[in-house]
Amino acid sequence: MDKKTSMKKISELVGRDRAIELVMNAYNTELVASWLRHLEASQGGKVARPERRDHLANALVRVNEVCDLSS
């Protein structure tokens, strides 16, 4: 499922404003998790390069999973 379709599905379930809020919170969680992985990897004294992840896609997947659980 592409990002636009995924966001549309969430918006239909919870409304536009709430969908934006949920996805932004999930996006922030993805960013924090990514940086925590980076920091944990660099604990050995070697600075690890952060992986390139599609945080928005991951956030949309998280929110859709929760929406599917509630229906």
PDB file of N, CA and C in Angstrom:
ATOM      1  N   MET A   1       0.858  -1.172   0.000  1.00  0.00           N
ATOM      2  CA  MET A   1       0.000   0.000   0.000  1.00  0.00           C
ATOM      3  C   MET A   1       0.905   1.237   0.000  1.00  0.00           C
ATOM      4  N   ASP A   2       0.616   2.171  -0.873  1.00  0.00           N
ATOM      5  CA  ASP A   2       1.435   3.386  -0.924  1.00  0.00           C
ATOM      6  C   ASP A   2       1.032   4.353   0.194  1.00  0.00           C
ATOM      7  N   LYS A   3       1.843   5.367   0.394  1.00  0.00           N
ATOM      8  CA  LYS A   3       1.656   6.290   1.508  1.00  0.00           C
ATOM      9  C   LYS A   3       0.328   7.049   1.423  1.00  0.00           C
ATOM     10  N   LYS A   4      -0.008   7.490   0.216  1.00  0.00           N
ATOM     11  CA  LYS A   4      -1.238   8.277   0.051  1.00  0.00           C
ATOM     12  C   LYS A   4      -2.477   7.435   0.374  1.00  0.00           C
ATOM     13  N   THR A   5      -2.490   6.215  -0.120  1.00  0.00           N
ATOM     14  CA  THR A   5      -3.614   5.316   0.150  1.00  0.00           C
ATOM     15  C   THR A   5      -3.695   4.984   1.632  1.00  0.00           C
ATOM     16  N   SER A   6      -2.546   4.758   2.220  1.00  0.00           N
ATOM     17  CA  SER A   6      -2.488   4.439   3.642  1.00  0.00           C
ATOM     18  C   SER A   6      -3.030   5.594   4.480  1.00  0.00           C
ATOM     19  N   MET A   7      -2.619   6.806   4.166  1.00  0.00           N
ATOM     20  CA  MET A   7      -3.097   7.977   4.906  1.00  0.00           C
ATOM     21  C   MET A   7      -4.587   8.187   4.692  1.00  0.00           C
ATOM     22  N   LYS A   8      -5.049   7.932   3.492  1.00  0.00           N
ATOM     23  CA  LYS A   8      -6.481   8.078   3.198  1.00  0.00           C
ATOM     24  C   LYS A   8      -7.300   7.101   4.034  1.00  0.00           C
ATOM     25  N   LYS A   9      -6.796   5.871   4.159  1.00  0.00           N
ATOM     26  CA  LYS A   9      -7.492   4.851   4.947  1.00  0.00           C
ATOM     27  C   LYS A   9      -7.586   5.285   6.415  1.00  0.00           C
ATOM     28  N   ILE A  10      -6.496   5.804   6.936  1.00  0.00           N
ATOM     29  CA  ILE A  10      -6.486   6.267   8.334  1.00  0.00           C
ATOM     30  C   ILE A  10      -7.445   7.441   8.499  1.00  0.00           C
ATOM     31  N   SER A  11      -7.425   8.373   7.551  1.00  0.00           N
ATOM     32  CA  SER A  11      -8.307   9.550   7.615  1.00  0.00           C
ATOM     33  C   SER A  11      -9.772   9.151   7.611  1.00  0.00           C
ATOM     34  N   GLU A  12     -10.103   8.128   6.836  1.00  0.00           N
ATOM     35  CA  GLU A  12     -11.496   7.667   6.794  1.00  0.00           C
ATOM     36  C   GLU A  12     -11.928   7.084   8.135  1.00  0.00           C
ATOM     37  N   LEU A  13     -10.999   6.478   8.842  1.00  0.00           N
ATOM     38  CA  LEU A  13     -11.337   5.855  10.120  1.00  0.00           C
ATOM     39  C   LEU A  13     -11.428   6.846  11.270  1.00  0.00           C
ATOM     40  N   VAL A  14     -10.512   7.822  11.316  1.00  0.00           N
ATOM     41  CA  VAL A  14     -10.443   8.698  12.493  1.00  0.00           C
ATOM     42  C   VAL A  14     -10.620  10.179  12.193  1.00  0.00           C
ATOM     43  N   GLY A  15     -10.730  10.545  10.950  1.00  0.00           N
ATOM     44  CA  GLY A  15     -10.833  11.953  10.581  1.00  0.00           C
ATOM     45  C   GLY A  15      -9.471  12.520  10.223  1.00  0.00           C
ATOM     46  N   ARG A  16      -9.472  13.564   9.420  1.00  0.00           N
ATOM     47  CA  ARG A  16      -8.232  14.129   8.881  1.00  0.00           C
ATOM     48  C   ARG A  16      -7.278  14.637   9.952  1.00  0.00           C
ATOM     49  N   ASP A  17      -7.791  15.485  10.858  1.00  0.00           N
ATOM     50  CA  ASP A  17      -6.923  16.089  11.873  1.00  0.00           C
ATOM     51  C   ASP A  17      -6.336  15.044  12.809  1.00  0.00           C
ATOM     52  N   ARG A  18      -7.154  14.106  13.236  1.00  0.00           N
ATOM     53  CA  ARG A  18      -6.668  13.054  14.142  1.00  0.00           C
ATOM     54  C   ARG A  18      -5.678  12.140  13.413  1.00  0.00           C
ATOM     55  N   ALA A  19      -5.901  11.884  12.132  1.00  0.00           N
ATOM     56  CA  ALA A  19      -4.987  11.057  11.350  1.00  0.00           C
ATOM     57  C   ALA A  19      -3.614  11.718  11.264  1.00  0.00           C
ATOM     58  N   ILE A  20      -3.600  13.017  11.028  1.00  0.00           N
ATOM     59  CA  ILE A  20      -2.331  13.748  10.962  1.00  0.00           C
ATOM     60  C   ILE A  20      -1.613  13.659  12.300  1.00  0.00           C
ATOM     61  N   GLU A  21      -2.343  13.857  13.377  1.00  0.00           N
ATOM     62  CA  GLU A  21      -1.750  13.797  14.713  1.00  0.00           C
ATOM     63  C   GLU A  21      -1.176  12.401  15.009  1.00  0.00           C
ATOM     64  N   LEU A  22      -1.939  11.358  14.696  1.00  0.00           N
ATOM     65  CA  LEU A  22      -1.477   9.991  14.946  1.00  0.00           C
ATOM     66  C   LEU A  22      -0.224   9.651  14.140  1.00  0.00           C
ATOM     67  N   VAL A  23      -0.232  10.024  12.867  1.00  0.00           N
ATOM     68  CA  VAL A  23       0.915   9.709  12.014  1.00  0.00           C
ATOM     69  C   VAL A  23       2.141  10.516  12.430  1.00  0.00           C
ATOM     70  N   MET A  24       1.965  11.765  12.807  1.00  0.00           N
ATOM     71  CA  MET A  24       3.106  12.566  13.249  1.00  0.00           C
ATOM     72  C   MET A  24       3.705  12.007  14.545  1.00  0.00           C
ATOM     73  N   ASN A  25       2.851  11.559  15.458  1.00  0.00           N
ATOM     74  CA  ASN A  25       3.359  10.938  16.683  1.00  0.00           C
ATOM     75  C   ASN A  25       4.119   9.651  16.371  1.00  0.00           C
ATOM     76  N   ALA A  26       3.588   8.843  15.470  1.00  0.00           N
ATOM     77  CA  ALA A  26       4.270   7.608  15.075  1.00  0.00           C
ATOM     78  C   ALA A  26       5.573   7.923  14.348  1.00  0.00           C
ATOM     79  N   TYR A  27       5.580   8.971  13.545  1.00  0.00           N
ATOM     80  CA  TYR A  27       6.791   9.394  12.833  1.00  0.00           C
ATOM     81  C   TYR A  27       7.875   9.806  13.829  1.00  0.00           C
ATOM     82  N   ASN A  28       7.495  10.581  14.825  1.00  0.00           N
ATOM     83  CA  ASN A  28       8.448  10.989  15.849  1.00  0.00           C
ATOM     84  C   ASN A  28       9.001   9.780  16.600  1.00  0.00           C
ATOM     85  N   THR A  29       8.153   8.805  16.856  1.00  0.00           N
ATOM     86  CA  THR A  29       8.590   7.573  17.507  1.00  0.00           C
ATOM     87  C   THR A  29       9.598   6.840  16.642  1.00  0.00           C
ATOM     88  N   GLU A  30       9.358   6.792  15.334  1.00  0.00           N
ATOM     89  CA  GLU A  30      10.300   6.151  14.415  1.00  0.00           C
ATOM     90  C   GLU A  30      11.652   6.858  14.431  1.00  0.00           C
ATOM     91  N   LEU A  31      11.643   8.192  14.464  1.00  0.00           N
ATOM     92  CA  LEU A  31      12.892   8.953  14.512  1.00  0.00           C
ATOM     93  C   LEU A  31      13.671   8.667  15.789  1.00  0.00           C
ATOM     94  N   VAL A  32      12.973   8.684  16.916  1.00  0.00           N
ATOM     95  CA  VAL A  32      13.633   8.429  18.192  1.00  0.00           C
ATOM     96  C   VAL A  32      14.198   7.014  18.229  1.00  0.00           C
ATOM     97  N   ALA A  33      13.417   6.040  17.765  1.00  0.00           N
ATOM     98  CA  ALA A  33      13.897   4.652  17.740  1.00  0.00           C
ATOM     99  C   ALA A  33      15.127   4.513  16.858  1.00  0.00           C
ATOM    100  N   SER A  34      15.138   5.219  15.749  1.00  0.00           N
ATOM    101  CA  SER A  34      16.278   5.176  14.836  1.00  0.00           C
ATOM    102  C   SER A  34      17.532   5.732  15.501  1.00  0.00           C
ATOM    103  N   TRP A  35      17.389   6.851  16.187  1.00  0.00           N
ATOM    104  CA  TRP A  35      18.548   7.447  16.856  1.00  0.00           C
ATOM    105  C   TRP A  35      19.003   6.617  18.046  1.00  0.00           C
ATOM    106  N   LEU A  36      18.077   5.983  18.739  1.00  0.00           N
ATOM    107  CA  LEU A  36      18.474   5.096  19.833  1.00  0.00           C
ATOM    108  C   LEU A  36      19.285   3.915  19.312  1.00  0.00           C
ATOM    109  N   ARG A  37      18.866   3.340  18.186  1.00  0.00           N
ATOM    110  CA  ARG A  37      19.636   2.256  17.569  1.00  0.00           C
ATOM    111  C   ARG A  37      21.028   2.756  17.199  1.00  0.00           C
ATOM    112  N   HIS A  38      21.095   3.963  16.677  1.00  0.00           N
ATOM    113  CA  HIS A  38      22.382   4.565  16.302  1.00  0.00           C
ATOM    114  C   HIS A  38      23.279   4.744  17.533  1.00  0.00           C
ATOM    115  N   LEU A  39      22.713   5.263  18.609  1.00  0.00           N
ATOM    116  CA  LEU A  39      23.486   5.476  19.834  1.00  0.00           C
ATOM    117  C   LEU A  39      23.945   4.162  20.449  1.00  0.00           C
ATOM    118  N   GLU A  40      23.066   3.168  20.453  1.00  0.00           N
ATOM    119  CA  GLU A  40      23.445   1.862  20.996  1.00  0.00           C
ATOM    120  C   GLU A  40      24.568   1.236  20.177  1.00  0.00           C
ATOM    121  N   ALA A  41      24.524   1.398  18.888  1.00  0.00           N
ATOM    122  CA  ALA A  41      25.551   0.831  18.018  1.00  0.00           C
ATOM    123  C   ALA A  41      26.889   1.528  18.222  1.00  0.00           C
ATOM    124  N   SER A  42      26.855   2.794  18.624  1.00  0.00           N
ATOM    125  CA  SER A  42      28.098   3.546  18.790  1.00  0.00           C
ATOM    126  C   SER A  42      28.685   3.431  20.194  1.00  0.00           C
ATOM    127  N   GLN A  43      28.085   2.618  21.053  1.00  0.00           N
ATOM    128  CA  GLN A  43      28.573   2.460  22.423  1.00  0.00           C
ATOM    129  C   GLN A  43      29.963   1.826  22.474  1.00  0.00           C
ATOM    130  N   GLY A  44      30.330   1.055  21.481  1.00  0.00           N
ATOM    131  CA  GLY A  44      31.620   0.400  21.470  1.00  0.00           C
ATOM    132  C   GLY A  44      32.761   1.323  21.084  1.00  0.00           C
ATOM    133  N   GLY A  45      32.514   2.604  20.984  1.00  0.00           N
ATOM    134  CA  GLY A  45      33.545   3.564  20.622  1.00  0.00           C
ATOM    135  C   GLY A  45      33.589   3.853  19.131  1.00  0.00           C
ATOM    136  N   LYS A  46      32.975   3.006  18.345  1.00  0.00           N
ATOM    137  CA  LYS A  46      32.934   3.201  16.902  1.00  0.00           C
ATOM    138  C   LYS A  46      31.608   3.866  16.553  1.00  0.00           C
ATOM    139  N   VAL A  47      31.673   4.978  15.870  1.00  0.00           N
ATOM    140  CA  VAL A  47      30.452   5.691  15.506  1.00  0.00           C
ATOM    141  C   VAL A  47      29.844   5.018  14.288  1.00  0.00           C
ATOM    142  N   ALA A  48      28.646   4.496  14.493  1.00  0.00           N
ATOM    143  CA  ALA A  48      27.944   3.813  13.407  1.00  0.00           C
ATOM    144  C   ALA A  48      27.153   4.824  12.601  1.00  0.00           C
ATOM    145  N   ARG A  49      27.128   4.613  11.334  1.00  0.00           N
ATOM    146  CA  ARG A  49      26.337   5.482  10.466  1.00  0.00           C
ATOM    147  C   ARG A  49      24.877   5.051  10.549  1.00  0.00           C
ATOM    148  N   PRO A  50      23.955   6.010  10.765  1.00  0.00           N
ATOM    149  CA  PRO A  50      22.545   5.622  10.850  1.00  0.00           C
ATOM    150  C   PRO A  50      22.051   5.055   9.523  1.00  0.00           C
ATOM    151  N   GLU A  51      21.187   4.059   9.639  1.00  0.00           N
ATOM    152  CA  GLU A  51      20.620   3.451   8.440  1.00  0.00           C
ATOM    153  C   GLU A  51      19.594   4.395   7.824  1.00  0.00           C
ATOM    154  N   ARG A  52      19.498   4.334   6.521  1.00  0.00           N
ATOM    155  CA  ARG A  52      18.466   5.106   5.831  1.00  0.00           C
ATOM    156  C   ARG A  52      17.164   4.318   5.903  1.00  0.00           C
ATOM    157  N   ARG A  53      16.199   4.866   6.571  1.00  0.00           N
ATOM    158  CA  ARG A  53      14.890   4.225   6.704  1.00  0.00           C
ATOM    159  C   ARG A  53      13.821   5.200   6.221  1.00  0.00           C
ATOM    160  N   ASP A  54      12.737   4.639   5.780  1.00  0.00           N
ATOM    161  CA  ASP A  54      11.600   5.467   5.392  1.00  0.00           C
ATOM    162  C   ASP A  54      10.708   5.599   6.626  1.00  0.00           C
ATOM    163  N   HIS A  55      10.998   6.602   7.440  1.00  0.00           N
ATOM    164  CA  HIS A  55      10.287   6.763   8.705  1.00  0.00           C
ATOM    165  C   HIS A  55       8.794   7.011   8.506  1.00  0.00           C
ATOM    166  N   LEU A  56       8.441   7.734   7.470  1.00  0.00           N
ATOM    167  CA  LEU A  56       7.028   8.004   7.226  1.00  0.00           C
ATOM    168  C   LEU A  56       6.285   6.720   6.877  1.00  0.00           C
ATOM    169  N   ALA A  57       6.863   5.893   6.022  1.00  0.00           N
ATOM    170  CA  ALA A  57       6.227   4.619   5.663  1.00  0.00           C
ATOM    171  C   ALA A  57       6.073   3.736   6.897  1.00  0.00           C
ATOM    172  N   ASN A  58       7.109   3.690   7.720  1.00  0.00           N
ATOM    173  CA  ASN A  58       7.026   2.891   8.939  1.00  0.00           C
ATOM    174  C   ASN A  58       5.961   3.423   9.891  1.00  0.00           C
ATOM    175  N   ALA A  59       5.843   4.739   9.979  1.00  0.00           N
ATOM    176  CA  ALA A  59       4.823   5.353  10.834  1.00  0.00           C
ATOM    177  C   ALA A  59       3.427   5.007  10.336  1.00  0.00           C
ATOM    178  N   LEU A  60       3.242   5.084   9.036  1.00  0.00           N
ATOM    179  CA  LEU A  60       1.930   4.748   8.467  1.00  0.00           C
ATOM    180  C   LEU A  60       1.586   3.278   8.719  1.00  0.00           C
ATOM    181  N   VAL A  61       2.566   2.412   8.619  1.00  0.00           N
ATOM    182  CA  VAL A  61       2.332   0.988   8.899  1.00  0.00           C
ATOM    183  C   VAL A  61       1.911   0.804  10.346  1.00  0.00           C
ATOM    184  N   ARG A  62       2.610   1.473  11.268  1.00  0.00           N
ATOM    185  CA  ARG A  62       2.263   1.372  12.693  1.00  0.00           C
ATOM    186  C   ARG A  62       0.818   1.802  12.948  1.00  0.00           C
ATOM    187  N   VAL A  63       0.446   2.963  12.415  1.00  0.00           N
ATOM    188  CA  VAL A  63      -0.899   3.494  12.665  1.00  0.00           C
ATOM    189  C   VAL A  63      -1.946   2.591  12.008  1.00  0.00           C
ATOM    190  N   ASN A  64      -1.686   2.112  10.797  1.00  0.00           N
ATOM    191  CA  ASN A  64      -2.644   1.208  10.156  1.00  0.00           C
ATOM    192  C   ASN A  64      -2.822  -0.089  10.925  1.00  0.00           C
ATOM    193  N   GLU A  65      -1.738  -0.606  11.491  1.00  0.00           N
ATOM    194  CA  GLU A  65      -1.845  -1.824  12.303  1.00  0.00           C
ATOM    195  C   GLU A  65      -2.751  -1.609  13.503  1.00  0.00           C
ATOM    196  N   VAL A  66      -2.602  -0.454  14.153  1.00  0.00           N
ATOM    197  CA  VAL A  66      -3.440  -0.157  15.312  1.00  0.00           C
ATOM    198  C   VAL A  66      -4.897   0.037  14.888  1.00  0.00           C
ATOM    199  N   CYS A  67      -5.109   0.709  13.766  1.00  0.00           N
ATOM    200  CA  CYS A  67      -6.469   0.910  13.263  1.00  0.00           C
ATOM    201  C   CYS A  67      -7.119  -0.424  12.919  1.00  0.00           C
ATOM    202  N   ASP A  68      -6.351  -1.335  12.321  1.00  0.00           N
ATOM    203  CA  ASP A  68      -6.886  -2.657  11.986  1.00  0.00           C
ATOM    204  C   ASP A  68      -7.246  -3.455  13.241  1.00  0.00           C
ATOM    205  N   LEU A  69      -6.460  -3.303  14.284  1.00  0.00           N
ATOM    206  CA  LEU A  69      -6.764  -3.994  15.545  1.00  0.00           C
ATOM    207  C   LEU A  69      -8.065  -3.511  16.162  1.00  0.00           C
ATOM    208  N   SER A  70      -8.359  -2.239  15.992  1.00  0.00           N
ATOM    209  CA  SER A  70      -9.543  -1.664  16.620  1.00  0.00           C
ATOM    210  C   SER A  70     -10.830  -1.900  15.844  1.00  0.00           C
ATOM    211  N   SER A  71     -10.721  -2.385  14.597  1.00  0.00           N
ATOM    212  CA  SER A  71     -11.956  -2.601  13.823  1.00  0.00           C
ATOM    213  C   SER A  71     -12.447  -4.009  13.905  1.00  0.00           C
TER     214      SER A  71
END
